[in-house]
Amino acid sequence: MDGAMDPFMVVGLIDLYCKCWLMNEAMTVYALMPSKVLIGLNAMIAGHSQNGDDFKYLSLFSKMYKEGMRFNETTLLAVLNSAASLQAIKVSEQVHAHYVKSGFQSNIYVVNSLIDA
C-alpha cells in the first residue's frame, strides 16, 4: 500500500470490508497500513464486533497494546463490551485498571460498561 495513501480512505476500505463480512480482507488492509492510526484500529474493532468475533478483537487489542499503541475511550469501551460478551472477568479487571490510570473513570459510558462487564 502506498505510504502517501490517506488514512481516512484506508479506514473507509476497512469499514467496507467489515460490513461485507470480509474480515480477512479488512485485516489485510489494516496490516498494510503504513502507519497504524487509532481510527484504523477502531474500524477493526467495530468490524469484529459487528461480526460477533470478540475473541479476535481482544487478540488484536492485546497485540497493539504490547506494541505501545495509545487508545481512547471508544477503543476501551469496545474492549469492555467484548470482555463482557466472553465473560472474561480478568480482562475486564485489567481494562478497569487501565481506565483508572487514563483518567476515564468519570465517563458515564465507561461506568455503565464496567457494570455490564
PDB file of N, CA and C in Angstrom:
ATOM      1  N   MET A   1       0.843  -1.162   0.000  1.00  0.00           N
ATOM      2  CA  MET A   1       0.000   0.000   0.000  1.00  0.00           C
ATOM      3  C   MET A   1       0.894   1.232   0.000  1.00  0.00           C
ATOM      4  N   ASP A   2       0.545   2.208  -0.784  1.00  0.00           N
ATOM      5  CA  ASP A   2       1.321   3.435  -0.935  1.00  0.00           C
ATOM      6  C   ASP A   2       1.417   4.184   0.388  1.00  0.00           C
ATOM      7  N   GLY A   3       2.641   4.596   0.771  1.00  0.00           N
ATOM      8  CA  GLY A   3       2.846   5.307   2.019  1.00  0.00           C
ATOM      9  C   GLY A   3       2.140   6.651   2.073  1.00  0.00           C
ATOM     10  N   ALA A   4       1.795   7.220   0.901  1.00  0.00           N
ATOM     11  CA  ALA A   4       1.136   8.522   0.859  1.00  0.00           C
ATOM     12  C   ALA A   4      -0.389   8.396   0.879  1.00  0.00           C
ATOM     13  N   MET A   5      -0.895   7.193   1.013  1.00  0.00           N
ATOM     14  CA  MET A   5      -2.340   6.985   0.975  1.00  0.00           C
ATOM     15  C   MET A   5      -3.009   7.616   2.198  1.00  0.00           C
ATOM     16  N   ASP A   6      -4.115   8.260   1.966  1.00  0.00           N
ATOM     17  CA  ASP A   6      -4.868   8.930   3.021  1.00  0.00           C
ATOM     18  C   ASP A   6      -5.391   7.901   4.021  1.00  0.00           C
ATOM     19  N   PRO A   7      -5.065   8.057   5.307  1.00  0.00           N
ATOM     20  CA  PRO A   7      -5.514   7.073   6.308  1.00  0.00           C
ATOM     21  C   PRO A   7      -7.031   6.969   6.393  1.00  0.00           C
ATOM     22  N   PHE A   8      -7.750   8.067   6.133  1.00  0.00           N
ATOM     23  CA  PHE A   8      -9.202   8.012   6.188  1.00  0.00           C
ATOM     24  C   PHE A   8      -9.770   7.170   5.047  1.00  0.00           C
ATOM     25  N   MET A   9      -9.097   7.201   3.898  1.00  0.00           N
ATOM     26  CA  MET A   9      -9.528   6.362   2.783  1.00  0.00           C
ATOM     27  C   MET A   9      -9.283   4.884   3.111  1.00  0.00           C
ATOM     28  N   VAL A  10      -8.154   4.607   3.719  1.00  0.00           N
ATOM     29  CA  VAL A  10      -7.834   3.227   4.109  1.00  0.00           C
ATOM     30  C   VAL A  10      -8.853   2.725   5.136  1.00  0.00           C
ATOM     31  N   VAL A  11      -9.193   3.575   6.106  1.00  0.00           N
ATOM     32  CA  VAL A  11     -10.175   3.192   7.122  1.00  0.00           C
ATOM     33  C   VAL A  11     -11.543   2.960   6.479  1.00  0.00           C
ATOM     34  N   GLY A  12     -11.894   3.763   5.491  1.00  0.00           N
ATOM     35  CA  GLY A  12     -13.143   3.555   4.759  1.00  0.00           C
ATOM     36  C   GLY A  12     -13.161   2.197   4.073  1.00  0.00           C
ATOM     37  N   LEU A  13     -12.028   1.794   3.521  1.00  0.00           N
ATOM     38  CA  LEU A  13     -11.918   0.484   2.879  1.00  0.00           C
ATOM     39  C   LEU A  13     -12.040  -0.638   3.911  1.00  0.00           C
ATOM     40  N   ILE A  14     -11.408  -0.467   5.053  1.00  0.00           N
ATOM     41  CA  ILE A  14     -11.534  -1.448   6.140  1.00  0.00           C
ATOM     42  C   ILE A  14     -12.998  -1.574   6.551  1.00  0.00           C
ATOM     43  N   ASP A  15     -13.661  -0.442   6.736  1.00  0.00           N
ATOM     44  CA  ASP A  15     -15.072  -0.431   7.118  1.00  0.00           C
ATOM     45  C   ASP A  15     -15.937  -1.135   6.080  1.00  0.00           C
ATOM     46  N   LEU A  16     -15.672  -0.878   4.803  1.00  0.00           N
ATOM     47  CA  LEU A  16     -16.413  -1.532   3.722  1.00  0.00           C
ATOM     48  C   LEU A  16     -16.272  -3.051   3.795  1.00  0.00           C
ATOM     49  N   TYR A  17     -15.040  -3.531   3.922  1.00  0.00           N
ATOM     50  CA  TYR A  17     -14.816  -4.976   4.008  1.00  0.00           C
ATOM     51  C   TYR A  17     -15.506  -5.572   5.244  1.00  0.00           C
ATOM     52  N   CYS A  18     -15.440  -4.881   6.363  1.00  0.00           N
ATOM     53  CA  CYS A  18     -16.078  -5.381   7.584  1.00  0.00           C
ATOM     54  C   CYS A  18     -17.588  -5.501   7.407  1.00  0.00           C
ATOM     55  N   LYS A  19     -18.189  -4.499   6.797  1.00  0.00           N
ATOM     56  CA  LYS A  19     -19.640  -4.522   6.594  1.00  0.00           C
ATOM     57  C   LYS A  19     -20.074  -5.593   5.610  1.00  0.00           C
ATOM     58  N   CYS A  20     -19.138  -6.029   4.767  1.00  0.00           N
ATOM     59  CA  CYS A  20     -19.427  -7.116   3.812  1.00  0.00           C
ATOM     60  C   CYS A  20     -18.996  -8.475   4.359  1.00  0.00           C
ATOM     61  N   TRP A  21     -18.662  -8.533   5.649  1.00  0.00           N
ATOM     62  CA  TRP A  21     -18.229  -9.756   6.323  1.00  0.00           C
ATOM     63  C   TRP A  21     -16.954 -10.335   5.709  1.00  0.00           C
ATOM     64  N   LEU A  22     -16.102  -9.482   5.182  1.00  0.00           N
ATOM     65  CA  LEU A  22     -14.837  -9.912   4.589  1.00  0.00           C
ATOM     66  C   LEU A  22     -13.693  -9.512   5.525  1.00  0.00           C
ATOM     67  N   MET A  23     -13.671 -10.157   6.684  1.00  0.00           N
ATOM     68  CA  MET A  23     -12.731  -9.770   7.734  1.00  0.00           C
ATOM     69  C   MET A  23     -11.278 -10.050   7.361  1.00  0.00           C
ATOM     70  N   ASN A  24     -11.012 -11.097   6.589  1.00  0.00           N
ATOM     71  CA  ASN A  24      -9.633 -11.375   6.176  1.00  0.00           C
ATOM     72  C   ASN A  24      -9.100 -10.245   5.307  1.00  0.00           C
ATOM     73  N   GLU A  25      -9.951  -9.747   4.401  1.00  0.00           N
ATOM     74  CA  GLU A  25      -9.545  -8.645   3.544  1.00  0.00           C
ATOM     75  C   GLU A  25      -9.350  -7.366   4.366  1.00  0.00           C
ATOM     76  N   ALA A  26     -10.254  -7.126   5.315  1.00  0.00           N
ATOM     77  CA  ALA A  26     -10.126  -5.953   6.183  1.00  0.00           C
ATOM     78  C   ALA A  26      -8.824  -6.022   6.979  1.00  0.00           C
ATOM     79  N   MET A  27      -8.507  -7.194   7.495  1.00  0.00           N
ATOM     80  CA  MET A  27      -7.285  -7.367   8.280  1.00  0.00           C
ATOM     81  C   MET A  27      -6.044  -7.168   7.405  1.00  0.00           C
ATOM     82  N   THR A  28      -6.119  -7.617   6.148  1.00  0.00           N
ATOM     83  CA  THR A  28      -5.002  -7.423   5.230  1.00  0.00           C
ATOM     84  C   THR A  28      -4.757  -5.940   4.984  1.00  0.00           C
ATOM     85  N   VAL A  29      -5.833  -5.191   4.741  1.00  0.00           N
ATOM     86  CA  VAL A  29      -5.701  -3.750   4.527  1.00  0.00           C
ATOM     87  C   VAL A  29      -5.127  -3.088   5.781  1.00  0.00           C
ATOM     88  N   TYR A  30      -5.622  -3.482   6.947  1.00  0.00           N
ATOM     89  CA  TYR A  30      -5.117  -2.920   8.201  1.00  0.00           C
ATOM     90  C   TYR A  30      -3.629  -3.234   8.373  1.00  0.00           C
ATOM     91  N   ALA A  31      -3.246  -4.456   8.074  1.00  0.00           N
ATOM     92  CA  ALA A  31      -1.837  -4.868   8.217  1.00  0.00           C
ATOM     93  C   ALA A  31      -0.929  -4.096   7.260  1.00  0.00           C
ATOM     94  N   LEU A  32      -1.463  -3.705   6.112  1.00  0.00           N
ATOM     95  CA  LEU A  32      -0.666  -2.987   5.120  1.00  0.00           C
ATOM     96  C   LEU A  32      -0.651  -1.474   5.323  1.00  0.00           C
ATOM     97  N   MET A  33      -1.391  -0.987   6.319  1.00  0.00           N
ATOM     98  CA  MET A  33      -1.370   0.455   6.589  1.00  0.00           C
ATOM     99  C   MET A  33       0.056   0.861   6.924  1.00  0.00           C
ATOM    100  N   PRO A  34       0.578   1.901   6.255  1.00  0.00           N
ATOM    101  CA  PRO A  34       1.961   2.297   6.506  1.00  0.00           C
ATOM    102  C   PRO A  34       2.204   2.743   7.950  1.00  0.00           C
ATOM    103  N   SER A  35       1.242   3.427   8.531  1.00  0.00           N
ATOM    104  CA  SER A  35       1.353   3.793   9.950  1.00  0.00           C
ATOM    105  C   SER A  35       0.021   3.470  10.604  1.00  0.00           C
ATOM    106  N   LYS A  36       0.087   2.730  11.672  1.00  0.00           N
ATOM    107  CA  LYS A  36      -1.135   2.339  12.365  1.00  0.00           C
ATOM    108  C   LYS A  36      -1.697   3.548  13.102  1.00  0.00           C
ATOM    109  N   VAL A  37      -2.892   3.938  12.723  1.00  0.00           N
ATOM    110  CA  VAL A  37      -3.546   5.056  13.376  1.00  0.00           C
ATOM    111  C   VAL A  37      -4.725   4.512  14.176  1.00  0.00           C
ATOM    112  N   LEU A  38      -5.107   5.249  15.194  1.00  0.00           N
ATOM    113  CA  LEU A  38      -6.168   4.797  16.091  1.00  0.00           C
ATOM    114  C   LEU A  38      -7.483   4.557  15.355  1.00  0.00           C
ATOM    115  N   ILE A  39      -7.790   5.381  14.362  1.00  0.00           N
ATOM    116  CA  ILE A  39      -9.055   5.177  13.655  1.00  0.00           C
ATOM    117  C   ILE A  39      -9.063   3.856  12.890  1.00  0.00           C
ATOM    118  N   GLY A  40      -7.890   3.406  12.463  1.00  0.00           N
ATOM    119  CA  GLY A  40      -7.798   2.102  11.801  1.00  0.00           C
ATOM    120  C   GLY A  40      -8.090   0.969  12.770  1.00  0.00           C
ATOM    121  N   LEU A  41      -7.506   1.059  13.959  1.00  0.00           N
ATOM    122  CA  LEU A  41      -7.766   0.049  14.977  1.00  0.00           C
ATOM    123  C   LEU A  41      -9.240   0.061  15.384  1.00  0.00           C
ATOM    124  N   ASN A  42      -9.800   1.252  15.563  1.00  0.00           N
ATOM    125  CA  ASN A  42     -11.211   1.341  15.945  1.00  0.00           C
ATOM    126  C   ASN A  42     -12.123   0.795  14.854  1.00  0.00           C
ATOM    127  N   ALA A  43     -11.737   0.940  13.586  1.00  0.00           N
ATOM    128  CA  ALA A  43     -12.512   0.353  12.484  1.00  0.00           C
ATOM    129  C   ALA A  43     -12.471  -1.177  12.551  1.00  0.00           C
ATOM    130  N   MET A  44     -11.303  -1.725  12.877  1.00  0.00           N
ATOM    131  CA  MET A  44     -11.192  -3.181  13.017  1.00  0.00           C
ATOM    132  C   MET A  44     -12.002  -3.658  14.220  1.00  0.00           C
ATOM    133  N   ILE A  45     -11.978  -2.878  15.293  1.00  0.00           N
ATOM    134  CA  ILE A  45     -12.760  -3.206  16.485  1.00  0.00           C
ATOM    135  C   ILE A  45     -14.237  -3.297  16.119  1.00  0.00           C
ATOM    136  N   ALA A  46     -14.721  -2.261  15.448  1.00  0.00           N
ATOM    137  CA  ALA A  46     -16.131  -2.220  15.056  1.00  0.00           C
ATOM    138  C   ALA A  46     -16.470  -3.396  14.152  1.00  0.00           C
ATOM    139  N   GLY A  47     -15.573  -3.721  13.241  1.00  0.00           N
ATOM    140  CA  GLY A  47     -15.819  -4.838  12.330  1.00  0.00           C
ATOM    141  C   GLY A  47     -15.919  -6.172  13.042  1.00  0.00           C
ATOM    142  N   HIS A  48     -14.976  -6.435  13.949  1.00  0.00           N
ATOM    143  CA  HIS A  48     -15.033  -7.682  14.703  1.00  0.00           C
ATOM    144  C   HIS A  48     -16.277  -7.718  15.582  1.00  0.00           C
ATOM    145  N   SER A  49     -16.628  -6.583  16.142  1.00  0.00           N
ATOM    146  CA  SER A  49     -17.822  -6.513  16.981  1.00  0.00           C
ATOM    147  C   SER A  49     -19.082  -6.779  16.154  1.00  0.00           C
ATOM    148  N   GLN A  50     -19.192  -6.140  14.998  1.00  0.00           N
ATOM    149  CA  GLN A  50     -20.348  -6.336  14.125  1.00  0.00           C
ATOM    150  C   GLN A  50     -20.469  -7.775  13.660  1.00  0.00           C
ATOM    151  N   ASN A  51     -19.337  -8.423  13.506  1.00  0.00           N
ATOM    152  CA  ASN A  51     -19.323  -9.799  13.019  1.00  0.00           C
ATOM    153  C   ASN A  51     -19.304 -10.821  14.152  1.00  0.00           C
ATOM    154  N   GLY A  52     -19.415 -10.349  15.391  1.00  0.00           N
ATOM    155  CA  GLY A  52     -19.518 -11.251  16.534  1.00  0.00           C
ATOM    156  C   GLY A  52     -18.254 -12.007  16.875  1.00  0.00           C
ATOM    157  N   ASP A  53     -17.093 -11.459  16.529  1.00  0.00           N
ATOM    158  CA  ASP A  53     -15.830 -12.154  16.781  1.00  0.00           C
ATOM    159  C   ASP A  53     -15.031 -11.433  17.870  1.00  0.00           C
ATOM    160  N   ASP A  54     -15.546 -11.508  19.095  1.00  0.00           N
ATOM    161  CA  ASP A  54     -14.931 -10.799  20.215  1.00  0.00           C
ATOM    162  C   ASP A  54     -13.535 -11.319  20.547  1.00  0.00           C
ATOM    163  N   PHE A  55     -13.316 -12.625  20.404  1.00  0.00           N
ATOM    164  CA  PHE A  55     -12.012 -13.186  20.743  1.00  0.00           C
ATOM    165  C   PHE A  55     -10.924 -12.621  19.842  1.00  0.00           C
ATOM    166  N   LYS A  56     -11.181 -12.544  18.524  1.00  0.00           N
ATOM    167  CA  LYS A  56     -10.177 -11.999  17.605  1.00  0.00           C
ATOM    168  C   LYS A  56      -9.906 -10.542  17.911  1.00  0.00           C
ATOM    169  N   TYR A  57     -10.961  -9.817  18.263  1.00  0.00           N
ATOM    170  CA  TYR A  57     -10.760  -8.412  18.593  1.00  0.00           C
ATOM    171  C   TYR A  57      -9.857  -8.271  19.813  1.00  0.00           C
ATOM    172  N   LEU A  58     -10.132  -9.039  20.853  1.00  0.00           N
ATOM    173  CA  LEU A  58      -9.306  -8.942  22.065  1.00  0.00           C
ATOM    174  C   LEU A  58      -7.857  -9.311  21.773  1.00  0.00           C
ATOM    175  N   SER A  59      -7.654 -10.261  20.872  1.00  0.00           N
ATOM    176  CA  SER A  59      -6.288 -10.632  20.477  1.00  0.00           C
ATOM    177  C   SER A  59      -5.597  -9.479  19.760  1.00  0.00           C
ATOM    178  N   LEU A  60      -6.331  -8.803  18.873  1.00  0.00           N
ATOM    179  CA  LEU A  60      -5.776  -7.658  18.157  1.00  0.00           C
ATOM    180  C   LEU A  60      -5.463  -6.525  19.131  1.00  0.00           C
ATOM    181  N   PHE A  61      -6.377  -6.261  20.048  1.00  0.00           N
ATOM    182  CA  PHE A  61      -6.152  -5.213  21.051  1.00  0.00           C
ATOM    183  C   PHE A  61      -4.907  -5.513  21.869  1.00  0.00           C
ATOM    184  N   SER A  62      -4.775  -6.740  22.317  1.00  0.00           N
ATOM    185  CA  SER A  62      -3.618  -7.133  23.129  1.00  0.00           C
ATOM    186  C   SER A  62      -2.319  -6.928  22.358  1.00  0.00           C
ATOM    187  N   LYS A  63      -2.313  -7.325  21.107  1.00  0.00           N
ATOM    188  CA  LYS A  63      -1.117  -7.182  20.277  1.00  0.00           C
ATOM    189  C   LYS A  63      -0.754  -5.711  20.104  1.00  0.00           C
ATOM    190  N   MET A  64      -1.726  -4.877  19.802  1.00  0.00           N
ATOM    191  CA  MET A  64      -1.459  -3.462  19.579  1.00  0.00           C
ATOM    192  C   MET A  64      -1.044  -2.774  20.885  1.00  0.00           C
ATOM    193  N   TYR A  65      -1.629  -3.201  21.995  1.00  0.00           N
ATOM    194  CA  TYR A  65      -1.256  -2.637  23.301  1.00  0.00           C
ATOM    195  C   TYR A  65       0.207  -2.933  23.612  1.00  0.00           C
ATOM    196  N   LYS A  66       0.623  -4.168  23.344  1.00  0.00           N
ATOM    197  CA  LYS A  66       2.007  -4.560  23.588  1.00  0.00           C
ATOM    198  C   LYS A  66       2.975  -3.795  22.695  1.00  0.00           C
ATOM    199  N   GLU A  67       2.498  -3.370  21.519  1.00  0.00           N
ATOM    200  CA  GLU A  67       3.338  -2.601  20.597  1.00  0.00           C
ATOM    201  C   GLU A  67       3.370  -1.110  20.960  1.00  0.00           C
ATOM    202  N   GLY A  68       2.648  -0.739  22.027  1.00  0.00           N
ATOM    203  CA  GLY A  68       2.709   0.630  22.513  1.00  0.00           C
ATOM    204  C   GLY A  68       1.689   1.586  21.937  1.00  0.00           C
ATOM    205  N   MET A  69       0.688   1.086  21.234  1.00  0.00           N
ATOM    206  CA  MET A  69      -0.319   1.972  20.668  1.00  0.00           C
ATOM    207  C   MET A  69      -1.189   2.559  21.775  1.00  0.00           C
ATOM    208  N   ARG A  70      -1.475   3.842  21.688  1.00  0.00           N
ATOM    209  CA  ARG A  70      -2.349   4.518  22.650  1.00  0.00           C
ATOM    210  C   ARG A  70      -3.801   4.295  22.251  1.00  0.00           C
ATOM    211  N   PHE A  71      -4.690   4.334  23.234  1.00  0.00           N
ATOM    212  CA  PHE A  71      -6.105   4.083  22.982  1.00  0.00           C
ATOM    213  C   PHE A  71      -6.945   5.207  23.526  1.00  0.00           C
ATOM    214  N   ASN A  72      -8.156   5.317  23.002  1.00  0.00           N
ATOM    215  CA  ASN A  72      -9.085   6.313  23.516  1.00  0.00           C
ATOM    216  C   ASN A  72     -10.263   5.599  24.173  1.00  0.00           C
ATOM    217  N   GLU A  73     -11.229   6.371  24.629  1.00  0.00           N
ATOM    218  CA  GLU A  73     -12.378   5.789  25.326  1.00  0.00           C
ATOM    219  C   GLU A  73     -13.168   4.833  24.426  1.00  0.00           C
ATOM    220  N   THR A  74     -13.281   5.165  23.150  1.00  0.00           N
ATOM    221  CA  THR A  74     -14.008   4.306  22.211  1.00  0.00           C
ATOM    222  C   THR A  74     -13.381   2.926  22.151  1.00  0.00           C
ATOM    223  N   THR A  75     -12.066   2.897  22.055  1.00  0.00           N
ATOM    224  CA  THR A  75     -11.351   1.619  21.988  1.00  0.00           C
ATOM    225  C   THR A  75     -11.574   0.806  23.262  1.00  0.00           C
ATOM    226  N   LEU A  76     -11.416   1.451  24.398  1.00  0.00           N
ATOM    227  CA  LEU A  76     -11.521   0.732  25.669  1.00  0.00           C
ATOM    228  C   LEU A  76     -12.958   0.307  25.976  1.00  0.00           C
ATOM    229  N   LEU A  77     -13.935   1.095  25.541  1.00  0.00           N
ATOM    230  CA  LEU A  77     -15.329   0.675  25.714  1.00  0.00           C
ATOM    231  C   LEU A  77     -15.602  -0.600  24.921  1.00  0.00           C
ATOM    232  N   ALA A  78     -15.061  -0.671  23.719  1.00  0.00           N
ATOM    233  CA  ALA A  78     -15.245  -1.874  22.900  1.00  0.00           C
ATOM    234  C   ALA A  78     -14.572  -3.082  23.541  1.00  0.00           C
ATOM    235  N   VAL A  79     -13.413  -2.869  24.159  1.00  0.00           N
ATOM    236  CA  VAL A  79     -12.733  -3.969  24.861  1.00  0.00           C
ATOM    237  C   VAL A  79     -13.612  -4.483  25.989  1.00  0.00           C
ATOM    238  N   LEU A  80     -14.187  -3.575  26.762  1.00  0.00           N
ATOM    239  CA  LEU A  80     -15.067  -3.994  27.859  1.00  0.00           C
ATOM    240  C   LEU A  80     -16.281  -4.752  27.344  1.00  0.00           C
ATOM    241  N   ASN A  81     -16.876  -4.285  26.247  1.00  0.00           N
ATOM    242  CA  ASN A  81     -18.039  -4.985  25.684  1.00  0.00           C
ATOM    243  C   ASN A  81     -17.668  -6.380  25.208  1.00  0.00           C
ATOM    244  N   SER A  82     -16.498  -6.499  24.575  1.00  0.00           N
ATOM    245  CA  SER A  82     -16.043  -7.817  24.126  1.00  0.00           C
ATOM    246  C   SER A  82     -15.748  -8.730  25.307  1.00  0.00           C
ATOM    247  N   ALA A  83     -15.111  -8.184  26.324  1.00  0.00           N
ATOM    248  CA  ALA A  83     -14.805  -8.978  27.520  1.00  0.00           C
ATOM    249  C   ALA A  83     -16.086  -9.434  28.202  1.00  0.00           C
ATOM    250  N   ALA A  84     -17.089  -8.558  28.242  1.00  0.00           N
ATOM    251  CA  ALA A  84     -18.369  -8.931  28.842  1.00  0.00           C
ATOM    252  C   ALA A  84     -19.046 -10.034  28.030  1.00  0.00           C
ATOM    253  N   SER A  85     -18.972  -9.942  26.700  1.00  0.00           N
ATOM    254  CA  SER A  85     -19.568 -10.984  25.845  1.00  0.00           C
ATOM    255  C   SER A  85     -18.918 -12.335  26.069  1.00  0.00           C
ATOM    256  N   LEU A  86     -17.610 -12.306  26.301  1.00  0.00           N
ATOM    257  CA  LEU A  86     -16.860 -13.556  26.521  1.00  0.00           C
ATOM    258  C   LEU A  86     -16.818 -13.964  27.983  1.00  0.00           C
ATOM    259  N   GLN A  87     -17.395 -13.147  28.852  1.00  0.00           N
ATOM    260  CA  GLN A  87     -17.354 -13.360  30.307  1.00  0.00           C
ATOM    261  C   GLN A  87     -15.915 -13.497  30.805  1.00  0.00           C
ATOM    262  N   ALA A  88     -15.049 -12.635  30.271  1.00  0.00           N
ATOM    263  CA  ALA A  88     -13.631 -12.633  30.620  1.00  0.00           C
ATOM    264  C   ALA A  88     -13.409 -11.624  31.749  1.00  0.00           C
ATOM    265  N   ILE A  89     -13.590 -12.081  32.958  1.00  0.00           N
ATOM    266  CA  ILE A  89     -13.543 -11.190  34.111  1.00  0.00           C
ATOM    267  C   ILE A  89     -12.140 -10.616  34.321  1.00  0.00           C
ATOM    268  N   LYS A  90     -11.106 -11.410  34.133  1.00  0.00           N
ATOM    269  CA  LYS A  90      -9.736 -10.921  34.321  1.00  0.00           C
ATOM    270  C   LYS A  90      -9.417  -9.804  33.328  1.00  0.00           C
ATOM    271  N   VAL A  91      -9.880  -9.952  32.091  1.00  0.00           N
ATOM    272  CA  VAL A  91      -9.669  -8.903  31.087  1.00  0.00           C
ATOM    273  C   VAL A  91     -10.398  -7.632  31.518  1.00  0.00           C
ATOM    274  N   SER A  92     -11.627  -7.786  32.001  1.00  0.00           N
ATOM    275  CA  SER A  92     -12.405  -6.633  32.469  1.00  0.00           C
ATOM    276  C   SER A  92     -11.687  -5.915  33.603  1.00  0.00           C
ATOM    277  N   GLU A  93     -11.108  -6.667  34.515  1.00  0.00           N
ATOM    278  CA  GLU A  93     -10.373  -6.065  35.626  1.00  0.00           C
ATOM    279  C   GLU A  93      -9.147  -5.296  35.127  1.00  0.00           C
ATOM    280  N   GLN A  94      -8.443  -5.858  34.143  1.00  0.00           N
ATOM    281  CA  GLN A  94      -7.272  -5.192  33.594  1.00  0.00           C
ATOM    282  C   GLN A  94      -7.654  -3.909  32.862  1.00  0.00           C
ATOM    283  N   VAL A  95      -8.754  -3.963  32.125  1.00  0.00           N
ATOM    284  CA  VAL A  95      -9.220  -2.775  31.413  1.00  0.00           C
ATOM    285  C   VAL A  95      -9.657  -1.706  32.409  1.00  0.00           C
ATOM    286  N   HIS A  96     -10.304  -2.128  33.493  1.00  0.00           N
ATOM    287  CA  HIS A  96     -10.705  -1.176  34.532  1.00  0.00           C
ATOM    288  C   HIS A  96      -9.484  -0.453  35.091  1.00  0.00           C
ATOM    289  N   ALA A  97      -8.418  -1.184  35.359  1.00  0.00           N
ATOM    290  CA  ALA A  97      -7.191  -0.565  35.865  1.00  0.00           C
ATOM    291  C   ALA A  97      -6.638   0.435  34.848  1.00  0.00           C
ATOM    292  N   HIS A  98      -6.723   0.082  33.579  1.00  0.00           N
ATOM    293  CA  HIS A  98      -6.244   0.994  32.528  1.00  0.00           C
ATOM    294  C   HIS A  98      -7.098   2.265  32.482  1.00  0.00           C
ATOM    295  N   TYR A  99      -8.419   2.104  32.667  1.00  0.00           N
ATOM    296  CA  TYR A  99      -9.315   3.265  32.710  1.00  0.00           C
ATOM    297  C   TYR A  99      -8.919   4.213  33.827  1.00  0.00           C
ATOM    298  N   VAL A 100      -8.672   3.660  34.993  1.00  0.00           N
ATOM    299  CA  VAL A 100      -8.330   4.486  36.150  1.00  0.00           C
ATOM    300  C   VAL A 100      -7.028   5.237  35.883  1.00  0.00           C
ATOM    301  N   LYS A 101      -6.025   4.538  35.337  1.00  0.00           N
ATOM    302  CA  LYS A 101      -4.747   5.179  35.029  1.00  0.00           C
ATOM    303  C   LYS A 101      -4.892   6.255  33.964  1.00  0.00           C
ATOM    304  N   SER A 102      -5.831   6.062  33.042  1.00  0.00           N
ATOM    305  CA  SER A 102      -6.023   7.002  31.935  1.00  0.00           C
ATOM    306  C   SER A 102      -6.918   8.177  32.296  1.00  0.00           C
ATOM    307  N   GLY A 103      -7.610   8.094  33.433  1.00  0.00           N
ATOM    308  CA  GLY A 103      -8.485   9.182  33.855  1.00  0.00           C
ATOM    309  C   GLY A 103      -9.866   9.158  33.231  1.00  0.00           C
ATOM    310  N   PHE A 104     -10.289   8.032  32.684  1.00  0.00           N
ATOM    311  CA  PHE A 104     -11.596   7.928  32.039  1.00  0.00           C
ATOM    312  C   PHE A 104     -12.704   7.508  32.998  1.00  0.00           C
ATOM    313  N   GLN A 105     -12.398   7.254  34.272  1.00  0.00           N
ATOM    314  CA  GLN A 105     -13.378   6.657  35.178  1.00  0.00           C
ATOM    315  C   GLN A 105     -14.590   7.534  35.425  1.00  0.00           C
ATOM    316  N   SER A 106     -14.532   8.822  35.113  1.00  0.00           N
ATOM    317  CA  SER A 106     -15.693   9.681  35.336  1.00  0.00           C
ATOM    318  C   SER A 106     -16.644   9.698  34.135  1.00  0.00           C
ATOM    319  N   ASN A 107     -16.276   9.033  33.054  1.00  0.00           N
ATOM    320  CA  ASN A 107     -17.130   8.977  31.867  1.00  0.00           C
ATOM    321  C   ASN A 107     -18.301   8.037  32.125  1.00  0.00           C
ATOM    322  N   ILE A 108     -19.527   8.506  31.912  1.00  0.00           N
ATOM    323  CA  ILE A 108     -20.732   7.715  32.211  1.00  0.00           C
ATOM    324  C   ILE A 108     -20.794   6.438  31.384  1.00  0.00           C
ATOM    325  N   TYR A 109     -20.321   6.472  30.136  1.00  0.00           N
ATOM    326  CA  TYR A 109     -20.327   5.270  29.288  1.00  0.00           C
ATOM    327  C   TYR A 109     -19.357   4.219  29.833  1.00  0.00           C
ATOM    328  N   VAL A 110     -18.234   4.690  30.330  1.00  0.00           N
ATOM    329  CA  VAL A 110     -17.241   3.781  30.926  1.00  0.00           C
ATOM    330  C   VAL A 110     -17.838   3.121  32.150  1.00  0.00           C
ATOM    331  N   VAL A 111     -18.462   3.912  33.013  1.00  0.00           N
ATOM    332  CA  VAL A 111     -19.064   3.380  34.236  1.00  0.00           C
ATOM    333  C   VAL A 111     -20.114   2.330  33.895  1.00  0.00           C
ATOM    334  N   ASN A 112     -20.975   2.618  32.921  1.00  0.00           N
ATOM    335  CA  ASN A 112     -22.014   1.650  32.524  1.00  0.00           C
ATOM    336  C   ASN A 112     -21.399   0.380  31.943  1.00  0.00           C
ATOM    337  N   SER A 113     -20.346   0.519  31.158  1.00  0.00           N
ATOM    338  CA  SER A 113     -19.691  -0.670  30.589  1.00  0.00           C
ATOM    339  C   SER A 113     -19.044  -1.508  31.681  1.00  0.00           C
ATOM    340  N   LEU A 114     -18.476  -0.854  32.677  1.00  0.00           N
ATOM    341  CA  LEU A 114     -17.876  -1.604  33.779  1.00  0.00           C
ATOM    342  C   LEU A 114     -18.938  -2.380  34.547  1.00  0.00           C
ATOM    343  N   ILE A 115     -20.114  -1.812  34.704  1.00  0.00           N
ATOM    344  CA  ILE A 115     -21.207  -2.518  35.374  1.00  0.00           C
ATOM    345  C   ILE A 115     -21.603  -3.744  34.559  1.00  0.00           C
ATOM    346  N   ASP A 116     -21.706  -3.601  33.235  1.00  0.00           N
ATOM    347  CA  ASP A 116     -22.066  -4.712  32.362  1.00  0.00           C
ATOM    348  C   ASP A 116     -21.025  -5.821  32.383  1.00  0.00           C
ATOM    349  N   ALA A 117     -19.751  -5.407  32.455  1.00  0.00           N
ATOM    350  CA  ALA A 117     -18.660  -6.386  32.408  1.00  0.00           C
ATOM    351  C   ALA A 117     -18.600  -7.142  33.705  1.00  0.00           C
TER     352      ALA A 117
END
